[in-house]
Protein backbone atom coordinates (compact mmCIF):
# COMPACT_ATOMS: atom_id res chain seq x y z
CA UNK A 1 -32.96 22.00 -54.68
CA UNK A 2 -32.34 24.62 -51.87
CA UNK A 3 -29.09 25.43 -52.85
CA UNK A 4 -30.36 25.64 -56.58
CA UNK A 5 -32.77 28.54 -55.64
CA UNK A 6 -30.30 30.30 -53.55
CA UNK A 7 -27.68 30.38 -56.70
CA UNK A 8 -30.41 31.36 -59.14
CA UNK A 9 -31.33 34.66 -56.79
CA UNK A 10 -27.85 35.21 -56.19
CA UNK A 11 -27.21 35.29 -60.06
CA UNK A 12 -29.89 37.57 -60.83
CA UNK A 13 -29.30 39.83 -58.16
CA UNK A 14 -25.36 40.10 -58.13
CA UNK A 15 -25.50 39.84 -62.14
CA UNK A 16 -28.03 42.73 -62.23
CA UNK A 17 -26.67 44.72 -60.47
CA UNK A 18 -22.99 44.06 -61.95
CA UNK A 19 -24.52 44.23 -65.86
CA UNK A 20 -25.82 47.88 -64.89
CA UNK A 21 -22.73 48.81 -63.64
CA UNK A 22 -20.81 47.52 -66.72
CA UNK A 23 -23.44 49.44 -68.49
CA UNK A 24 -22.65 52.93 -66.88
CA UNK A 25 -18.61 52.05 -67.64
CA UNK A 26 -18.51 50.57 -71.04
CA UNK A 27 -21.61 50.09 -72.85
CA UNK A 28 -23.68 53.25 -72.46
CA UNK A 29 -24.54 53.02 -76.28
CA UNK A 30 -25.99 49.90 -76.24
CA UNK A 31 -29.71 49.04 -74.55
CA UNK A 32 -29.52 48.30 -70.77
CA UNK A 33 -31.85 45.27 -71.19
CA UNK A 34 -29.94 43.81 -73.92
CA UNK A 35 -26.57 43.94 -71.40
CA UNK A 36 -28.60 42.64 -68.43
CA UNK A 37 -29.87 40.12 -70.00
CA UNK A 38 -26.46 38.72 -71.77
CA UNK A 39 -24.95 38.97 -68.43
CA UNK A 40 -27.47 37.46 -66.51
CA UNK A 41 -26.94 34.49 -68.97
CA UNK A 42 -23.28 34.22 -68.81
CA UNK A 43 -23.72 34.49 -65.10
CA UNK A 44 -25.72 31.91 -64.86
CA UNK A 45 -24.27 29.28 -67.26
CA UNK A 46 -22.62 27.39 -64.12
CA UNK A 47 -26.11 26.68 -63.08
CA UNK A 48 -27.41 26.02 -66.52
CA UNK A 49 -24.59 23.20 -66.80
CA UNK A 50 -25.57 21.80 -63.25
CA UNK A 51 -28.71 21.43 -64.25
CA UNK A 52 -28.39 19.82 -67.80
CA UNK A 53 -26.23 17.02 -66.37
CA UNK A 54 -28.20 16.08 -63.13
CA UNK A 55 -31.29 16.54 -64.68
CA UNK A 56 -31.21 15.75 -68.04
CA UNK A 57 -28.37 13.78 -68.02
CA UNK A 58 -26.74 15.69 -71.04
CA UNK A 59 -22.95 15.13 -71.81
CA UNK A 60 -21.04 18.50 -71.62
CA UNK A 61 -17.44 18.66 -72.16
CA UNK A 62 -15.30 19.30 -68.99
CA UNK A 63 -13.54 22.11 -70.41
CA UNK A 64 -16.79 23.97 -70.86
CA UNK A 65 -17.91 22.87 -67.26
CA UNK A 66 -14.54 24.15 -66.01
CA UNK A 67 -15.02 27.77 -68.06
CA UNK A 68 -18.51 28.05 -66.19
CA UNK A 69 -16.99 27.10 -62.67
CA UNK A 70 -14.76 30.09 -63.50
CA UNK A 71 -17.37 32.49 -64.40
CA UNK A 72 -18.89 31.79 -61.08
CA UNK A 73 -15.88 32.54 -59.40
CA UNK A 74 -15.04 35.66 -61.47
CA UNK A 75 -18.64 36.97 -60.97
CA UNK A 76 -18.57 36.63 -57.14
CA UNK A 77 -15.16 38.23 -56.67
CA UNK A 78 -16.15 40.65 -58.91
CA UNK A 79 -19.53 41.85 -57.30
CA UNK A 80 -17.42 41.81 -54.59
CA UNK A 81 -14.87 44.34 -55.70
CA UNK A 82 -17.50 46.41 -56.66
CA UNK A 83 -19.80 46.89 -54.02
CA UNK A 84 -16.51 47.64 -51.81
CA UNK A 85 -15.74 50.32 -54.51
CA UNK A 86 -19.29 51.58 -54.83
CA UNK A 87 -19.32 52.09 -50.86
CA UNK A 88 -15.84 53.87 -51.45
CA UNK A 89 -17.69 55.97 -54.14
CA UNK A 90 -20.74 56.90 -52.06
CA UNK A 91 -18.64 58.33 -48.82
CA UNK A 92 -16.58 60.48 -51.49
CA UNK A 93 -20.26 61.47 -52.56
CA UNK A 94 -21.05 62.42 -48.98
CA UNK A 95 -18.01 64.21 -48.83
CA UNK A 96 -18.60 66.17 -51.81
CA UNK A 97 -15.32 64.85 -52.93
CA UNK A 98 -14.83 63.94 -56.77
CA UNK A 99 -14.34 60.03 -57.19
CA UNK A 100 -12.87 57.82 -60.33
CA UNK A 101 -14.98 57.47 -63.07
CA UNK A 102 -16.98 54.79 -63.85
CA UNK A 103 -15.12 53.34 -66.32
CA UNK A 104 -11.99 53.85 -64.59
CA UNK A 105 -13.28 52.18 -61.42
CA UNK A 106 -14.65 49.31 -63.12
CA UNK A 107 -11.12 48.47 -65.12
CA UNK A 108 -9.31 48.44 -61.83
CA UNK A 109 -12.08 46.04 -60.48
CA UNK A 110 -11.95 43.64 -63.47
CA UNK A 111 -8.27 43.79 -63.01
CA UNK A 112 -8.37 43.12 -58.89
CA UNK A 113 -11.02 40.05 -59.45
CA UNK A 114 -8.71 38.41 -62.42
CA UNK A 115 -5.90 38.55 -60.27
CA UNK A 116 -7.97 37.30 -57.16
CA UNK A 117 -9.30 34.58 -59.40
CA UNK A 118 -5.82 33.41 -61.22
CA UNK A 119 -4.56 33.62 -57.43
CA UNK A 120 -7.46 31.23 -55.85
CA UNK A 121 -7.04 29.39 -59.03
CA UNK A 122 -2.88 28.38 -58.33
CA UNK A 123 -3.58 28.35 -54.26
CA UNK A 124 -6.65 25.35 -54.67
CA UNK A 125 -3.63 23.15 -56.47
CA UNK A 126 -0.93 23.62 -53.90
CA UNK A 127 -2.22 20.99 -51.59
CA UNK A 128 -0.96 21.26 -48.04
CA UNK A 129 0.00 18.25 -45.71
CA UNK A 130 -1.38 18.87 -42.00
CA UNK A 131 0.42 16.40 -39.69
CA UNK A 132 -1.09 15.58 -35.96
CA UNK A 133 0.57 13.53 -33.31
CA UNK A 134 -1.94 11.67 -31.44
CA UNK A 135 -1.89 9.78 -28.20
CA UNK A 136 -4.44 7.30 -27.37
CA UNK A 137 -6.30 6.58 -23.81
CA UNK A 138 -6.04 2.96 -25.36
CA UNK A 139 -3.41 0.17 -25.44
CA UNK A 140 -2.51 -0.62 -29.28
CA UNK A 141 -0.08 -3.30 -30.27
CA UNK A 142 2.06 -1.27 -32.78
CA UNK A 143 2.04 2.64 -33.28
CA UNK A 144 0.76 3.37 -36.73
CA UNK A 145 0.64 6.19 -39.39
CA UNK A 146 -2.59 7.43 -41.10
CA UNK A 147 -2.79 9.52 -44.52
CA UNK A 148 -6.37 10.71 -44.94
CA UNK A 149 -7.77 12.92 -47.44
CA UNK A 150 -11.35 14.22 -48.49
CA UNK A 151 -13.48 15.91 -51.02
CA UNK A 152 -11.92 15.05 -54.07
CA UNK A 153 -15.21 16.07 -56.41
CA UNK A 154 -13.98 14.37 -59.30
CA UNK A 155 -15.06 16.37 -62.30
CA UNK A 156 -14.02 19.27 -64.40
CA UNK A 157 -11.07 19.96 -62.02
CA UNK A 158 -9.71 16.85 -61.18
CA UNK A 159 -8.45 15.42 -64.11
CA UNK A 160 -6.46 12.28 -63.85
CA UNK A 161 -2.75 13.75 -64.30
CA UNK A 162 -4.13 15.70 -60.71
CA UNK A 163 -5.05 13.12 -58.76
CA UNK A 164 -1.91 11.44 -60.11
CA UNK A 165 0.10 13.80 -58.31
CA UNK A 166 -2.13 14.02 -55.04
CA UNK A 167 -1.85 10.05 -55.04
CA UNK A 168 2.06 10.33 -55.21
CA UNK A 169 2.06 12.94 -52.52
CA UNK A 170 0.40 10.41 -50.32
CA UNK A 171 2.34 7.40 -51.17
CA UNK A 172 5.73 9.72 -49.99
CA UNK A 173 4.49 10.08 -47.09
CA UNK A 174 4.95 5.98 -46.39
CA UNK A 175 1.87 5.60 -44.09
CA UNK A 176 0.24 2.14 -42.89
CA UNK A 177 -2.89 2.85 -43.77
CA UNK A 178 -5.01 5.49 -46.00
CA UNK A 179 -8.64 6.57 -45.49
CA UNK A 180 -10.44 8.63 -48.33
CA UNK A 181 -13.42 10.29 -46.46
CA UNK A 182 -16.17 10.71 -48.84
CA UNK A 183 -17.64 13.17 -51.79
CA UNK A 184 -15.09 11.17 -54.32
CA UNK A 185 -17.24 12.34 -57.14
CA UNK A 186 -18.43 15.78 -57.35
CA UNK A 187 -21.83 15.57 -59.73
CA UNK A 188 -21.64 12.62 -62.56
CA UNK A 189 -20.33 9.07 -61.70
CA UNK A 190 -19.07 9.06 -65.56
CA UNK A 191 -16.43 11.38 -64.39
CA UNK A 192 -15.21 8.61 -62.42
CA UNK A 193 -13.09 7.06 -65.57
CA UNK A 194 -10.72 4.09 -66.05
CA UNK A 195 -7.66 6.48 -65.93
CA UNK A 196 -8.96 8.42 -62.13
CA UNK A 197 -9.20 4.66 -60.85
CA UNK A 198 -6.15 3.45 -62.18
CA UNK A 199 -4.63 6.42 -60.45
CA UNK A 200 -6.77 5.77 -57.09
CA UNK A 201 -5.08 2.12 -57.29
CA UNK A 202 -1.69 3.34 -57.09
CA UNK A 203 -2.50 4.04 -53.49
CA UNK A 204 -0.05 2.08 -51.76
CA UNK A 205 -0.46 1.65 -47.69
CA UNK A 206 0.28 -2.08 -46.02
CA UNK A 207 -2.92 -2.06 -43.97
CA UNK A 208 -4.95 -1.22 -47.51
CA UNK A 209 -7.23 2.19 -48.13
CA UNK A 210 -10.15 2.53 -46.92
CA UNK A 211 -13.27 4.85 -48.00
CA UNK A 212 -16.31 5.84 -46.95
CA UNK A 213 -18.98 7.91 -49.10
CA UNK A 214 -20.03 11.65 -49.18
CA UNK A 215 -23.49 13.31 -50.08
CA UNK A 216 -21.86 14.33 -53.54
CA UNK A 217 -21.36 10.50 -54.37
CA UNK A 218 -25.29 10.15 -53.90
CA UNK A 219 -25.84 13.04 -55.96
CA UNK A 220 -23.73 11.16 -58.36
CA UNK A 221 -24.97 7.60 -57.94
CA UNK A 222 -25.83 4.82 -55.87
CA UNK A 223 -24.03 3.73 -53.07
CA UNK A 224 -23.65 0.65 -54.91
CA UNK A 225 -22.28 2.08 -57.94
CA UNK A 226 -19.92 3.73 -56.45
CA UNK A 227 -18.67 0.70 -54.25
CA UNK A 228 -18.03 -1.54 -57.70
CA UNK A 229 -15.85 1.10 -59.18
CA UNK A 230 -13.93 1.39 -55.98
CA UNK A 231 -13.61 -2.17 -55.85
CA UNK A 232 -11.27 -1.88 -59.46
CA UNK A 233 -9.14 0.51 -57.49
CA UNK A 234 -8.63 -1.97 -55.09
CA UNK A 235 -10.39 0.33 -52.22
CA UNK A 236 -12.17 -0.98 -49.34
CA UNK A 237 -15.48 0.98 -48.93
CA UNK A 238 -17.47 1.03 -45.55
CA UNK A 239 -21.04 2.09 -45.93
CA UNK A 240 -22.13 1.49 -42.14
CA UNK A 241 -19.66 -1.64 -41.64
CA UNK A 242 -17.35 -2.20 -39.01
CA UNK A 243 -13.50 -3.67 -39.90
CA UNK A 244 -10.68 -4.56 -37.40
CA UNK A 245 -7.00 -4.22 -38.42
CA UNK A 246 -5.35 -6.81 -36.72
CA UNK A 247 -2.12 -5.97 -37.13
CA UNK A 248 -2.43 -3.12 -34.86
CA UNK A 249 -5.40 -3.75 -33.05
CA UNK A 250 -7.71 -0.95 -34.25
CA UNK A 251 -11.65 -1.18 -35.49
CA UNK A 252 -12.54 1.55 -37.77
CA UNK A 253 -16.14 2.07 -38.47
CA UNK A 254 -17.37 3.47 -41.68
CA UNK A 255 -20.49 5.49 -41.85
CA UNK A 256 -23.17 5.97 -44.20
CA UNK A 257 -23.24 9.25 -45.50
CA UNK A 258 -25.48 12.12 -44.49
CA UNK A 259 -27.26 12.98 -48.11
CA UNK A 260 -26.57 16.76 -46.74
CA UNK A 261 -25.49 18.90 -44.19
CA UNK A 262 -29.10 18.87 -42.13
CA UNK A 263 -30.14 15.53 -42.88
CA UNK A 264 -31.40 13.97 -39.69
CA UNK A 265 -29.41 10.40 -39.88
CA UNK A 266 -32.64 8.45 -40.56
CA UNK A 267 -31.13 6.72 -43.83
CA UNK A 268 -28.36 4.72 -42.11
CA UNK A 269 -27.86 3.04 -39.19
CA UNK A 270 -27.44 4.62 -35.59
CA UNK A 271 -24.18 4.49 -34.20
CA UNK A 272 -25.04 2.53 -31.41
CA UNK A 273 -26.23 -0.49 -33.64
CA UNK A 274 -22.69 -0.24 -35.60
CA UNK A 275 -20.56 0.05 -32.18
CA UNK A 276 -22.33 -3.36 -30.82
CA UNK A 277 -20.74 -4.95 -33.72
CA UNK A 278 -17.64 -4.64 -32.06
CA UNK A 279 -16.46 -7.65 -29.85
CA UNK A 280 -13.70 -6.03 -28.26
CA UNK A 281 -14.37 -2.81 -26.87
CA UNK A 282 -11.32 -2.18 -25.25
CA UNK A 283 -9.54 -1.75 -28.52
CA UNK A 284 -8.83 1.74 -30.43
CA UNK A 285 -11.86 3.21 -32.80
CA UNK A 286 -11.37 5.31 -35.41
CA UNK A 287 -14.88 6.93 -37.03
CA UNK A 288 -14.67 8.08 -40.65
CA UNK A 289 -17.78 10.30 -41.46
CA UNK A 290 -17.74 12.31 -44.24
CA UNK A 291 -20.15 15.06 -42.78
CA UNK A 292 -19.10 16.36 -38.94
CA UNK A 293 -21.88 16.62 -36.84
CA UNK A 294 -20.11 17.58 -33.94
CA UNK A 295 -18.74 15.02 -30.84
CA UNK A 296 -21.73 13.36 -29.57
CA UNK A 297 -21.90 10.08 -31.68
CA UNK A 298 -17.91 9.95 -30.73
CA UNK A 299 -18.34 10.45 -27.03
CA UNK A 300 -21.36 8.04 -26.96
CA UNK A 301 -19.22 4.93 -28.06
CA UNK A 302 -15.78 5.94 -26.34
CA UNK A 303 -14.34 6.45 -29.89
CA UNK A 304 -10.52 7.33 -30.11
CA UNK A 305 -10.61 9.48 -33.66
CA UNK A 306 -12.77 10.65 -35.89
CA UNK A 307 -11.99 11.87 -39.26
CA UNK A 308 -14.38 13.90 -41.50
CA UNK A 309 -14.47 16.26 -44.65
CA UNK A 310 -17.28 18.26 -46.13
CA UNK A 311 -16.77 21.99 -45.07
CA UNK A 312 -14.00 22.57 -47.40
CA UNK A 313 -12.94 24.98 -44.71
CA UNK A 314 -15.43 27.10 -46.35
CA UNK A 315 -13.37 27.37 -49.65
CA UNK A 316 -13.57 30.82 -50.31
CA UNK A 317 -13.65 33.68 -49.02
CA UNK A 318 -15.58 35.39 -47.32
CA UNK A 319 -17.41 31.99 -47.29
CA UNK A 320 -14.78 30.66 -44.91
CA UNK A 321 -15.65 33.13 -42.24
CA UNK A 322 -19.32 32.45 -42.19
CA UNK A 323 -18.84 28.58 -42.72
CA UNK A 324 -16.26 28.90 -39.92
CA UNK A 325 -19.04 30.78 -37.76
CA UNK A 326 -21.63 28.20 -38.87
CA UNK A 327 -19.83 24.84 -38.06
CA UNK A 328 -18.93 23.15 -34.39
CA UNK A 329 -15.67 22.76 -36.14
CA UNK A 330 -14.75 23.38 -39.88
CA UNK A 331 -11.41 22.27 -40.04
CA UNK A 332 -8.73 21.45 -37.76
CA UNK A 333 -8.58 19.18 -34.51
CA UNK A 334 -10.38 19.03 -31.23
CA UNK A 335 -9.42 17.10 -28.36
CA UNK A 336 -12.07 16.50 -25.81
CA UNK A 337 -11.60 13.60 -22.90
CA UNK A 338 -9.18 11.80 -25.29
CA UNK A 339 -11.79 11.99 -28.16
CA UNK A 340 -9.47 13.37 -31.59
CA UNK A 341 -12.06 15.12 -33.82
CA UNK A 342 -10.26 15.98 -36.84
CA UNK A 343 -12.11 17.86 -40.06
CA UNK A 344 -10.19 18.36 -43.15
CA UNK A 345 -10.59 21.12 -45.98
CA UNK A 346 -9.88 18.74 -48.59
CA UNK A 347 -8.63 18.48 -51.71
CA UNK A 348 -11.05 19.25 -54.13
CA UNK A 349 -13.21 21.93 -55.18
CA UNK A 350 -17.04 22.76 -55.05
CA UNK A 351 -18.20 25.23 -57.71
CA UNK A 352 -15.80 28.18 -58.10
CA UNK A 353 -12.39 26.43 -58.85
CA UNK A 354 -10.63 29.23 -56.04
CA UNK A 355 -9.64 28.45 -52.79
CA UNK A 356 -9.12 31.74 -50.77
CA UNK A 357 -8.36 31.97 -47.64
CA UNK A 358 -8.29 28.31 -46.96
CA UNK A 359 -6.23 25.19 -48.37
CA UNK A 360 -6.54 21.86 -50.00
CA UNK A 361 -5.07 19.48 -47.86
CA UNK A 362 -4.18 15.93 -46.88
CA UNK A 363 -3.85 14.93 -43.31
CA UNK A 364 -0.65 12.92 -41.79
CA UNK A 365 -1.40 11.19 -38.41
CA UNK A 366 1.12 9.91 -36.05
CA UNK A 367 -0.95 7.50 -33.85
CA UNK A 368 0.66 6.10 -30.53
CA UNK A 369 -0.85 3.95 -28.01
CA UNK A 370 -1.08 4.69 -24.63
CA UNK A 371 1.40 1.71 -23.73
CA UNK A 372 3.60 2.77 -27.26
CA UNK A 373 3.95 6.65 -26.61
CA UNK A 374 7.38 7.51 -27.46
């Protein structure tokens, strides 16, 4: 509810400001309140669609939902460019120097916003591969390769066709094991169609495909429903479970997701409880946990690797700068006393279907044991 109220407040403030400036530039012959009301409704379509789907279960075609996402992206950058040019206008006014007319200023701002939105959309679909080489502080039976990705957010912008391209990219790496680290579905479990499951079923790794769920998966359905659907795609869903990969000699702890970033964790097992289920504690241990909360859990149980997602690395400028300041790690890898802590920026998107200053990402990890380091 907090994020909904925040977006609503943002829409009212941003929308009223933009509408007034559009009125000054193009619509002076119309009633100003009519212009403001129309623009406020238009800029709020993302929120309206979200409420209709989540609260009332109303089906809205993906093309319309996607259009509301684009409007949100366009409005955000229109506001930023407009504020920037209005600051310049104010400086020129203080210097008693003529500036652009309102019409020319708004025309330039709209063109810049269009270019930014188009670039951001194209960039969001250009998935990069980030490769890491990791040497564990414990012995392995044999080295292995991990492909990991998070935050598919299957919905209006993650069609089966696009998902198929991402699956092919993962398979081309020829990993030994594949991890899906939460937020598989964006908002509505009905968006996870048979066609999506058919594409996920094509993921190919000799040691299998393992998934944990994320906060958005809980927004769309209960954990059991998600697990039953992923079972159809031959994906092993770990929800506060421990599994041992005999062939290579390591354990995986798949954690139940925090329901949101500030969740206190009371609805899931304590990490120590999960660790107590491990029979041979000398073996390497990988934690899969959608929401990254820092090094504490991994260090507490002498884990070797944690892979998380959730942050999207802030997804768009300037939010990415804020997320990087607020997060322990918004993207990348930290090494602390033999514990490798990795956060992915994810493949899919929430809200505006653009990436500015961040990349869609698949992670590829070469894992070496203390005894098998080349």
